[in-house]
Amino acid sequence: MNEQLSEQELNEQHHLMIGGVDSLALAKEYQTPLYVYDTGEIRQAIADFKRVFEANHVAYQISYASKAFATVAMYQLIAQAGIHCDVVSGGELYTAQRAGFPMAKVSFHGNNKSEEELMMALDAGVGCIMVDNFYELDLLTRLSAARQQVVTIMLRIAPGISAHTHEYISTGQEDSKFGFGLNSGQADQAVRQAQAAKYLNLVGIHCHIGSQIFELHGFEMIVDKLVSVFARWQNELGFYPQIMNVGGGFGVKYTAEDQPLAPTDFVDSIIKETIAQTKAHHVPMLEIWIEPGRSLVATAGTTLYTLGASKEVPGIRKYLAVDGGMGDNIRPALYDAKYEAVLAKDPTLPAQQVASIAGKYCESGDMLIWNQSLPATQPGDVLAVLDTGAYGYSMASNYNRNPRPAVVFCEDGQSHLVVKRETYADLTRLDVALPVAEKTPLSN
């Protein structure tokens, strides 16, 4: 049986179960491709983070990085769990508003927020704006003064520490589009400028060193560096932050090759290192914020597909095609991300073939999995690709004019449709036809 699964995830017929619901029944009711989330797993992950913070008796906030997966229902689930969230666009902010998410618990990220988006955030009363650059700092200074509205902010910094991860998802290095450079002195300048702005309330410093991080060392380094900088700022600038936001990026297990620590191990290490470093520098203990996204939703998600065509390239490879692909999961094409799949009707069946799982999109790079061991299969079988809960739906597209899949939440044996499947009519809903031109008679 696939290492990612446990006996509790199979029913008496050996069908794959998700949140206590038969995956074959889900595929039949909601059709495929289909994103399915075990929301009980998400709630448990949040509870585990809270437990570690509270066991260490520190002030904290957990802010869900909603770019990983953002829908009305997801924001509602996060609100029920009593934690914060962060958004990175006007669209995510609007979705959170539609969900009734408390705006005081929202942080607004992004490296190029428009004036319209900032106005939207100020009107909504978001709890904190993560200021990314001098352009935005100037813009927010002007807007807050014009409105005479106090705005709580954190400064995002580029600390010059890069985690071991894919180059496209490594964000803490000095050469990054994100944040004020710490080593260049830009962060010092930004602190001075924020302090001088009458209506800006600077409460903390934010950084994020990357995604899919499997080692503690990067987080320990960032804590050491930040606390040292904060101690210097206290002496030189008269500023000491209330909050240290270390972002997220805690690695998750996508395949048997991945051996991540538990996300809570990262948090425990961050807390203990912060306590040690603040004592060593004789400065106050900080409120610690984390921003888990992938680590809350990735392993809770499964994508169900239906197998269709197959192709044998003698002596080279066997391809099995599914009814989705890069339009619902771009990560394999974009990042060379790895996934594993099982046959939903019985993941315990012995492997009888090695096949590569191809999507239906007109791109040679539309491959979901290379060299997957599987039992014998036939067209119409349901294939479950595991651990697809992060950056699947949120990065989905209508490439080749394919409708995006539905999303279903499952928990305690019940399923709930939370995003409807798009229709062909949805694909043309925003199209505007050319005006009908009068025909010019042909001359002889």
Protein backbone atom coordinates (compact mmCIF):
# COMPACT_ATOMS: atom_id res chain seq x y z
CA MET A 1 0.00 0.00 0.00
CA ASN A 2 1.17 3.54 -0.71
CA GLU A 3 3.23 4.91 2.21
CA GLN A 4 1.16 8.09 2.27
CA LEU A 5 -1.98 6.20 3.29
CA SER A 6 -3.08 4.51 6.49
CA GLU A 7 -5.53 1.67 7.07
CA GLN A 8 -8.08 4.20 8.35
CA GLU A 9 -8.24 5.76 4.89
CA LEU A 10 -9.73 2.61 3.32
CA ASN A 11 -13.22 1.19 3.78
CA GLU A 12 -14.26 -2.48 3.85
CA GLN A 13 -14.17 -2.60 0.04
CA HIS A 14 -10.64 -1.12 0.15
CA HIS A 15 -11.86 2.06 -1.55
CA LEU A 16 -9.89 5.20 -0.76
CA MET A 17 -11.73 7.29 1.84
CA ILE A 18 -11.35 11.06 2.20
CA GLY A 19 -12.73 12.63 5.37
CA GLY A 20 -14.79 9.50 5.89
CA VAL A 21 -16.33 9.61 2.39
CA ASP A 22 -15.81 7.00 -0.34
CA SER A 23 -13.72 8.53 -3.13
CA LEU A 24 -15.55 6.52 -5.79
CA ALA A 25 -18.86 7.89 -4.53
CA LEU A 26 -17.39 11.40 -4.69
CA ALA A 27 -16.25 10.90 -8.28
CA LYS A 28 -19.69 9.61 -9.23
CA GLU A 29 -21.61 12.43 -7.52
CA TYR A 30 -19.42 15.39 -8.41
CA GLN A 31 -17.60 14.10 -11.52
CA THR A 32 -13.90 14.43 -12.26
CA PRO A 33 -11.46 16.13 -12.19
CA LEU A 34 -12.36 16.95 -8.61
CA TYR A 35 -10.49 18.63 -5.77
CA VAL A 36 -11.37 16.99 -2.43
CA TYR A 37 -10.30 18.26 1.01
CA ASP A 38 -10.33 16.42 4.31
CA THR A 39 -11.18 19.47 6.40
CA GLY A 40 -10.76 17.58 9.65
CA GLU A 41 -7.07 17.29 8.82
CA ILE A 42 -6.85 21.07 8.35
CA ARG A 43 -8.52 21.71 11.71
CA GLN A 44 -6.13 19.26 13.40
CA ALA A 45 -3.07 20.95 11.86
CA ILE A 46 -4.23 24.31 13.22
CA ALA A 47 -4.84 22.79 16.65
CA ASP A 48 -1.33 21.28 16.63
CA PHE A 49 0.25 24.69 15.92
CA LYS A 50 -1.76 26.27 18.74
CA ARG A 51 -0.72 23.53 21.14
CA VAL A 52 3.00 24.16 20.57
CA PHE A 53 2.69 27.91 21.11
CA GLU A 54 0.59 27.54 24.22
CA ALA A 55 2.90 24.88 25.68
CA ASN A 56 5.74 27.40 25.43
CA HIS A 57 3.66 30.21 26.98
CA VAL A 58 4.44 32.85 24.35
CA ALA A 59 2.32 35.47 22.62
CA TYR A 60 1.60 34.39 19.05
CA GLN A 61 -0.58 34.52 15.98
CA ILE A 62 -1.16 31.90 13.29
CA SER A 63 -1.98 33.56 9.97
CA TYR A 64 -3.10 31.25 7.17
CA ALA A 65 -1.31 32.11 3.91
CA SER A 66 -4.42 31.96 1.80
CA LYS A 67 -2.64 32.09 -1.56
CA ALA A 68 -2.21 28.33 -1.05
CA PHE A 69 -5.97 27.82 -1.37
CA ALA A 70 -8.55 30.60 -1.22
CA THR A 71 -12.31 30.18 -1.46
CA VAL A 72 -15.25 31.53 0.53
CA ALA A 73 -15.58 28.20 2.34
CA MET A 74 -11.88 28.06 3.20
CA TYR A 75 -11.94 31.53 4.75
CA GLN A 76 -15.01 30.45 6.73
CA LEU A 77 -13.18 27.36 7.98
CA ILE A 78 -10.20 29.48 9.06
CA ALA A 79 -12.53 31.91 10.84
CA GLN A 80 -14.11 28.99 12.70
CA ALA A 81 -10.64 27.92 13.82
CA GLY A 82 -10.08 31.39 15.30
CA ILE A 83 -6.85 32.25 13.51
CA HIS A 84 -5.71 35.08 11.23
CA CYS A 85 -5.19 34.97 7.47
CA ASP A 86 -3.12 36.88 4.97
CA VAL A 87 -4.15 37.96 1.50
CA VAL A 88 -2.01 39.09 -1.44
CA SER A 89 -4.51 40.74 -3.78
CA GLY A 90 -7.75 42.63 -3.96
CA GLY A 91 -9.39 39.43 -5.17
CA GLU A 92 -8.35 37.44 -2.12
CA LEU A 93 -9.42 40.30 0.14
CA TYR A 94 -12.81 40.46 -1.59
CA THR A 95 -13.26 36.70 -1.18
CA ALA A 96 -12.46 36.96 2.52
CA GLN A 97 -15.01 39.77 2.82
CA ARG A 98 -17.64 37.65 1.06
CA ALA A 99 -16.89 34.90 3.57
CA GLY A 100 -17.53 37.27 6.47
CA PHE A 101 -13.96 36.86 7.68
CA PRO A 102 -13.12 39.40 10.44
CA MET A 103 -11.07 42.09 8.72
CA ALA A 104 -9.15 42.90 11.91
CA LYS A 105 -7.54 39.45 11.56
CA VAL A 106 -6.39 40.01 7.96
CA SER A 107 -2.86 40.92 6.86
CA PHE A 108 -2.35 42.29 3.35
CA HIS A 109 0.83 41.16 1.57
CA GLY A 110 2.20 41.76 -1.93
CA ASN A 111 5.12 43.42 -3.66
CA ASN A 112 3.07 45.68 -5.95
CA LYS A 113 -0.19 46.60 -4.25
CA SER A 114 -2.06 49.14 -6.34
CA GLU A 115 -3.47 52.34 -4.90
CA GLU A 116 -6.93 50.89 -5.49
CA GLU A 117 -6.05 47.76 -3.52
CA LEU A 118 -4.62 49.79 -0.65
CA MET A 119 -7.74 51.96 -0.59
CA MET A 120 -9.84 48.80 -0.53
CA ALA A 121 -7.81 47.51 2.44
CA LEU A 122 -8.13 50.82 4.30
CA ASP A 123 -11.88 50.93 3.66
CA ALA A 124 -12.22 47.35 4.88
CA GLY A 125 -10.21 48.00 8.03
CA VAL A 126 -7.71 45.18 7.57
CA GLY A 127 -5.66 44.50 10.67
CA CYS A 128 -2.21 44.95 9.21
CA ILE A 129 -0.56 45.88 5.92
CA MET A 130 2.80 44.27 5.16
CA VAL A 131 4.73 47.07 3.47
CA ASP A 132 7.10 45.67 0.86
CA ASN A 133 9.02 48.62 -0.65
CA PHE A 134 9.57 52.38 -0.58
CA TYR A 135 7.00 53.05 -3.31
CA GLU A 136 4.34 51.42 -1.18
CA LEU A 137 5.58 53.07 2.00
CA ASP A 138 5.31 56.51 0.35
CA LEU A 139 1.88 55.68 -1.08
CA LEU A 140 0.53 54.44 2.24
CA THR A 141 1.97 57.45 4.07
CA ARG A 142 0.11 59.75 1.69
CA LEU A 143 -3.16 57.82 1.78
CA SER A 144 -3.25 57.49 5.57
CA ALA A 145 -2.52 61.21 6.00
CA ALA A 146 -5.17 62.23 3.48
CA ARG A 147 -7.73 60.10 5.31
CA GLN A 148 -6.34 60.87 8.77
CA GLN A 149 -6.56 57.13 9.36
CA VAL A 150 -4.09 55.28 11.55
CA VAL A 151 -2.82 52.21 9.68
CA THR A 152 -1.03 49.35 11.41
CA ILE A 153 1.90 48.06 9.37
CA MET A 154 4.79 45.64 9.39
CA LEU A 155 7.84 46.02 7.18
CA ARG A 156 8.81 43.06 5.05
CA ILE A 157 12.56 42.65 4.91
CA ALA A 158 14.92 40.62 2.72
CA PRO A 159 17.26 39.25 5.39
CA GLY A 160 19.95 37.85 3.11
CA ILE A 161 19.25 34.28 4.21
CA SER A 162 18.15 31.78 1.59
CA ALA A 163 16.59 28.46 2.55
CA HIS A 164 17.47 25.31 0.64
CA THR A 165 14.51 25.11 -1.74
CA HIS A 166 13.53 25.62 -5.37
CA GLU A 167 14.90 28.88 -6.79
CA TYR A 168 11.41 30.11 -7.71
CA ILE A 169 10.10 29.69 -4.15
CA SER A 170 13.15 30.96 -2.29
CA THR A 171 12.38 34.48 -1.11
CA GLY A 172 14.66 35.49 1.77
CA GLN A 173 17.85 36.15 -0.19
CA GLU A 174 19.14 39.67 -0.76
CA ASP A 175 18.48 39.53 -4.51
CA SER A 176 14.70 39.20 -4.33
CA LYS A 177 11.72 41.15 -5.57
CA PHE A 178 10.35 41.05 -2.02
CA GLY A 179 11.13 43.32 0.90
CA PHE A 180 13.58 45.94 2.13
CA GLY A 181 17.18 44.75 2.01
CA LEU A 182 18.61 44.27 5.48
CA ASN A 183 22.28 44.11 4.52
CA SER A 184 22.02 47.17 2.25
CA GLY A 185 20.62 49.42 4.97
CA GLN A 186 17.25 49.80 3.24
CA ALA A 187 15.45 48.25 6.21
CA ASP A 188 16.98 50.83 8.58
CA GLN A 189 15.85 53.62 6.26
CA ALA A 190 12.33 52.15 6.04
CA VAL A 191 12.06 52.02 9.84
CA ARG A 192 13.03 55.69 10.09
CA GLN A 193 10.55 56.65 7.39
CA ALA A 194 7.72 54.65 8.95
CA GLN A 195 8.42 56.17 12.37
CA ALA A 196 8.25 59.66 10.87
CA ALA A 197 4.83 59.01 9.26
CA LYS A 198 2.14 60.45 11.53
CA TYR A 199 -0.55 57.89 10.71
CA LEU A 200 1.54 54.72 10.32
CA ASN A 201 1.73 52.43 13.35
CA LEU A 202 4.80 50.21 12.86
CA VAL A 203 4.33 47.13 15.07
CA GLY A 204 6.55 44.47 13.58
CA ILE A 205 8.97 43.05 11.06
CA HIS A 206 8.13 40.31 8.59
CA CYS A 207 10.31 37.99 6.56
CA HIS A 208 9.83 34.80 4.60
CA ILE A 209 12.82 32.71 3.54
CA GLY A 210 11.17 30.25 1.15
CA SER A 211 8.85 27.29 0.75
CA GLN A 212 9.21 23.54 1.16
CA ILE A 213 11.91 23.94 3.79
CA PHE A 214 13.02 20.69 5.42
CA GLU A 215 15.68 21.95 7.85
CA LEU A 216 15.55 23.95 11.07
CA HIS A 217 18.81 25.80 10.45
CA GLY A 218 17.36 28.50 8.17
CA PHE A 219 14.71 29.49 10.73
CA GLU A 220 17.24 29.48 13.56
CA MET A 221 19.53 31.72 11.49
CA ILE A 222 16.74 34.17 10.75
CA VAL A 223 15.75 34.42 14.42
CA ASP A 224 19.39 35.01 15.42
CA LYS A 225 19.85 37.70 12.78
CA LEU A 226 16.57 39.50 13.44
CA VAL A 227 16.91 39.67 17.20
CA SER A 228 20.43 41.03 16.79
CA VAL A 229 19.14 43.69 14.38
CA PHE A 230 16.24 44.55 16.70
CA ALA A 231 18.66 45.07 19.59
CA ARG A 232 20.70 47.44 17.40
CA TRP A 233 17.56 49.31 16.30
CA GLN A 234 16.55 49.75 19.93
CA ASN A 235 19.84 51.52 20.61
CA GLU A 236 20.27 53.41 17.33
CA LEU A 237 16.71 54.14 16.17
CA GLY A 238 14.70 54.01 19.37
CA PHE A 239 12.55 51.29 17.81
CA TYR A 240 11.95 47.75 19.01
CA PRO A 241 9.20 45.73 17.30
CA GLN A 242 6.35 44.13 19.15
CA ILE A 243 6.01 41.35 16.55
CA MET A 244 8.47 39.14 14.70
CA ASN A 245 6.74 37.44 11.78
CA VAL A 246 8.89 34.60 10.39
CA GLY A 247 6.48 33.62 7.60
CA GLY A 248 5.96 29.99 6.70
CA GLY A 249 7.47 27.53 4.28
CA PHE A 250 7.38 24.45 6.51
CA GLY A 251 7.98 21.47 4.24
CA VAL A 252 5.41 18.75 3.64
CA LYS A 253 5.64 15.19 2.34
CA TYR A 254 4.60 14.85 -1.30
CA THR A 255 6.39 11.56 -2.08
CA ALA A 256 8.25 8.81 -0.25
CA GLU A 257 11.49 10.67 -1.05
CA ASP A 258 10.44 13.64 1.11
CA GLN A 259 11.39 13.40 4.78
CA PRO A 260 10.17 16.63 6.35
CA LEU A 261 10.03 17.43 10.02
CA ALA A 262 6.63 17.91 11.55
CA PRO A 263 5.55 21.55 11.02
CA THR A 264 5.21 21.87 14.79
CA ASP A 265 8.93 21.01 15.17
CA PHE A 266 9.78 24.13 13.17
CA VAL A 267 7.59 26.26 15.41
CA ASP A 268 9.00 24.77 18.61
CA SER A 269 12.53 25.52 17.38
CA ILE A 270 11.60 29.09 16.39
CA ILE A 271 10.08 29.74 19.83
CA LYS A 272 13.01 28.31 21.77
CA GLU A 273 15.57 30.17 19.64
CA THR A 274 13.66 33.43 20.10
CA ILE A 275 13.58 33.00 23.87
CA ALA A 276 17.29 32.23 23.92
CA GLN A 277 18.31 35.12 21.66
CA THR A 278 16.18 37.78 23.38
CA LYS A 279 17.69 36.75 26.71
CA ALA A 280 21.20 36.82 25.24
CA HIS A 281 20.69 40.35 23.85
CA HIS A 282 18.82 41.57 26.97
CA VAL A 283 15.79 42.66 24.95
CA PRO A 284 12.06 41.99 25.47
CA MET A 285 10.50 38.76 24.26
CA LEU A 286 8.68 39.16 20.95
CA GLU A 287 5.23 38.13 19.84
CA ILE A 288 5.80 35.42 17.21
CA TRP A 289 3.72 35.16 14.06
CA ILE A 290 3.82 32.34 11.56
CA GLU A 291 2.12 32.11 8.16
CA PRO A 292 1.51 28.45 7.28
CA GLY A 293 -0.20 27.84 3.94
CA ARG A 294 1.02 24.68 2.28
CA SER A 295 1.53 22.95 5.64
CA LEU A 296 -2.15 23.43 6.52
CA VAL A 297 -3.75 22.33 3.25
CA ALA A 298 -1.36 20.33 1.04
CA THR A 299 -1.75 16.87 2.51
CA ALA A 300 -5.45 17.47 3.22
CA GLY A 301 -6.17 17.66 -0.52
CA THR A 302 -6.60 14.92 -3.11
CA THR A 303 -7.41 15.32 -6.81
CA LEU A 304 -9.58 12.66 -8.38
CA TYR A 305 -9.24 11.97 -12.11
CA THR A 306 -10.74 9.46 -14.53
CA LEU A 307 -8.35 7.45 -16.67
CA GLY A 308 -8.89 7.57 -20.42
CA ALA A 309 -6.48 6.86 -23.25
CA SER A 310 -3.26 4.91 -22.86
CA LYS A 311 -0.20 4.78 -25.06
CA GLU A 312 2.68 2.34 -25.15
CA VAL A 313 6.02 3.43 -26.56
CA PRO A 314 7.71 0.02 -26.99
CA GLY A 315 10.80 -0.32 -24.86
CA ILE A 316 10.53 3.26 -23.55
CA ARG A 317 7.39 4.20 -21.65
CA LYS A 318 3.70 3.66 -21.01
CA TYR A 319 1.44 6.70 -20.76
CA LEU A 320 -1.90 6.81 -18.98
CA ALA A 321 -3.97 9.93 -19.69
CA VAL A 322 -6.38 11.54 -17.25
CA ASP A 323 -9.20 14.03 -17.76
CA GLY A 324 -7.28 16.91 -16.16
CA GLY A 325 -3.64 17.97 -16.00
CA MET A 326 -1.71 21.22 -16.00
CA GLY A 327 -4.91 23.29 -15.99
CA ASP A 328 -5.74 22.03 -12.50
CA ASN A 329 -2.18 21.37 -11.27
CA ILE A 330 0.53 23.48 -12.89
CA ARG A 331 3.17 22.66 -10.27
CA PRO A 332 4.77 19.67 -12.03
CA ALA A 333 5.27 21.75 -15.19
CA LEU A 334 6.29 24.91 -13.32
CA TYR A 335 8.46 23.53 -10.51
CA ASP A 336 9.07 19.91 -11.52
CA ALA A 337 6.98 19.09 -8.44
CA LYS A 338 6.59 15.42 -7.55
CA TYR A 339 3.38 13.65 -6.58
CA GLU A 340 2.20 10.10 -6.00
CA ALA A 341 -1.05 8.47 -7.11
CA VAL A 342 -3.14 5.44 -6.19
CA LEU A 343 -6.02 3.61 -7.78
CA ALA A 344 -9.02 4.81 -5.80
CA LYS A 345 -10.90 1.50 -5.97
CA ASP A 346 -8.12 -0.29 -4.06
CA PRO A 347 -4.77 1.31 -3.18
CA THR A 348 -3.62 -2.04 -1.69
CA LEU A 349 -3.55 -3.90 -5.02
CA PRO A 350 -0.04 -5.00 -6.04
CA ALA A 351 1.72 -3.02 -8.74
CA GLN A 352 1.62 -4.58 -12.21
CA GLN A 353 2.85 -1.69 -14.30
CA VAL A 354 4.91 1.47 -14.28
CA ALA A 355 3.16 4.28 -16.12
CA SER A 356 3.56 8.02 -16.54
CA ILE A 357 0.42 10.05 -15.87
CA ALA A 358 -0.27 12.50 -18.69
CA GLY A 359 -2.76 15.33 -18.75
CA LYS A 360 -5.17 16.14 -21.57
CA TYR A 361 -3.72 19.57 -22.42
CA CYS A 362 -1.97 20.24 -25.72
CA GLU A 363 1.51 20.60 -24.24
CA SER A 364 4.28 18.00 -24.13
CA GLY A 365 5.07 19.28 -20.65
CA ASP A 366 1.59 18.40 -19.39
CA MET A 367 2.76 15.49 -17.24
CA LEU A 368 1.49 15.05 -13.69
CA ILE A 369 3.66 12.10 -12.61
CA TRP A 370 6.55 10.25 -14.19
CA ASN A 371 7.02 6.51 -13.63
CA GLN A 372 4.20 5.75 -11.18
CA SER A 373 3.83 2.14 -10.03
CA LEU A 374 0.19 1.06 -10.35
CA PRO A 375 -1.98 -2.04 -10.45
CA ALA A 376 -3.58 -3.03 -13.76
CA THR A 377 -5.88 -0.24 -14.93
CA GLN A 378 -8.57 0.31 -17.50
CA PRO A 379 -10.32 3.37 -18.94
CA GLY A 380 -12.88 4.70 -16.50
CA ASP A 381 -10.87 3.88 -13.37
CA VAL A 382 -10.55 6.70 -10.85
CA LEU A 383 -6.99 7.78 -10.11
CA ALA A 384 -6.32 9.69 -6.89
CA VAL A 385 -3.31 12.04 -6.90
CA LEU A 386 -2.39 12.61 -3.27
CA ASP A 387 -1.42 15.75 -1.37
CA THR A 388 -2.62 18.28 -3.95
CA GLY A 389 -4.31 20.68 -1.53
CA ALA A 390 -1.84 23.54 -1.97
CA TYR A 391 -1.54 25.63 -5.15
CA GLY A 392 -3.76 23.39 -7.25
CA TYR A 393 -7.08 25.20 -7.34
CA SER A 394 -5.44 28.56 -6.61
CA MET A 395 -3.19 28.31 -9.70
CA ALA A 396 -5.75 26.63 -11.96
CA SER A 397 -6.45 27.99 -15.44
CA ASN A 398 -8.81 27.62 -18.37
CA TYR A 399 -6.03 26.70 -20.78
CA ASN A 400 -7.39 25.00 -23.92
CA ARG A 401 -10.78 26.35 -22.79
CA ASN A 402 -11.18 23.60 -20.20
CA PRO A 403 -13.50 24.39 -17.28
CA ARG A 404 -11.94 24.37 -13.82
CA PRO A 405 -12.92 21.52 -11.48
CA ALA A 406 -15.31 21.58 -8.57
CA VAL A 407 -14.10 21.61 -4.96
CA VAL A 408 -15.61 19.44 -2.23
CA PHE A 409 -15.00 19.49 1.53
CA CYS A 410 -15.33 16.21 3.42
CA GLU A 411 -15.43 15.64 7.16
CA ASP A 412 -16.99 13.04 9.46
CA GLY A 413 -18.45 11.09 6.55
CA GLN A 414 -20.20 14.10 4.98
CA SER A 415 -19.35 15.90 1.74
CA HIS A 416 -20.16 19.51 0.85
CA LEU A 417 -19.76 21.17 -2.53
CA VAL A 418 -17.90 24.47 -1.90
CA VAL A 419 -16.96 25.47 -5.47
CA LYS A 420 -19.15 24.53 -8.43
CA ARG A 421 -17.61 23.01 -11.53
CA GLU A 422 -17.30 25.54 -14.31
CA THR A 423 -19.41 25.03 -17.42
CA TYR A 424 -18.65 25.78 -21.05
CA ALA A 425 -21.00 28.76 -20.70
CA ASP A 426 -18.79 30.09 -17.90
CA LEU A 427 -15.84 30.10 -20.31
CA THR A 428 -17.48 32.66 -22.58
CA ARG A 429 -19.33 34.64 -19.90
CA LEU A 430 -16.91 37.58 -20.08
CA ASP A 431 -16.24 37.40 -23.82
CA VAL A 432 -17.44 40.32 -25.91
CA ALA A 433 -18.31 39.62 -29.53
CA LEU A 434 -17.31 41.91 -32.34
CA PRO A 435 -20.04 44.24 -33.61
CA VAL A 436 -21.87 42.93 -36.63
CA ALA A 437 -20.47 44.79 -39.65
CA GLU A 438 -22.67 45.74 -42.57
CA LYS A 439 -21.78 43.77 -45.65
CA THR A 440 -20.39 45.81 -48.55
CA PRO A 441 -21.74 44.67 -51.92
CA LEU A 442 -19.09 43.21 -54.20
CA SER A 443 -18.33 45.34 -57.24
CA ASN A 444 -18.26 43.84 -60.75
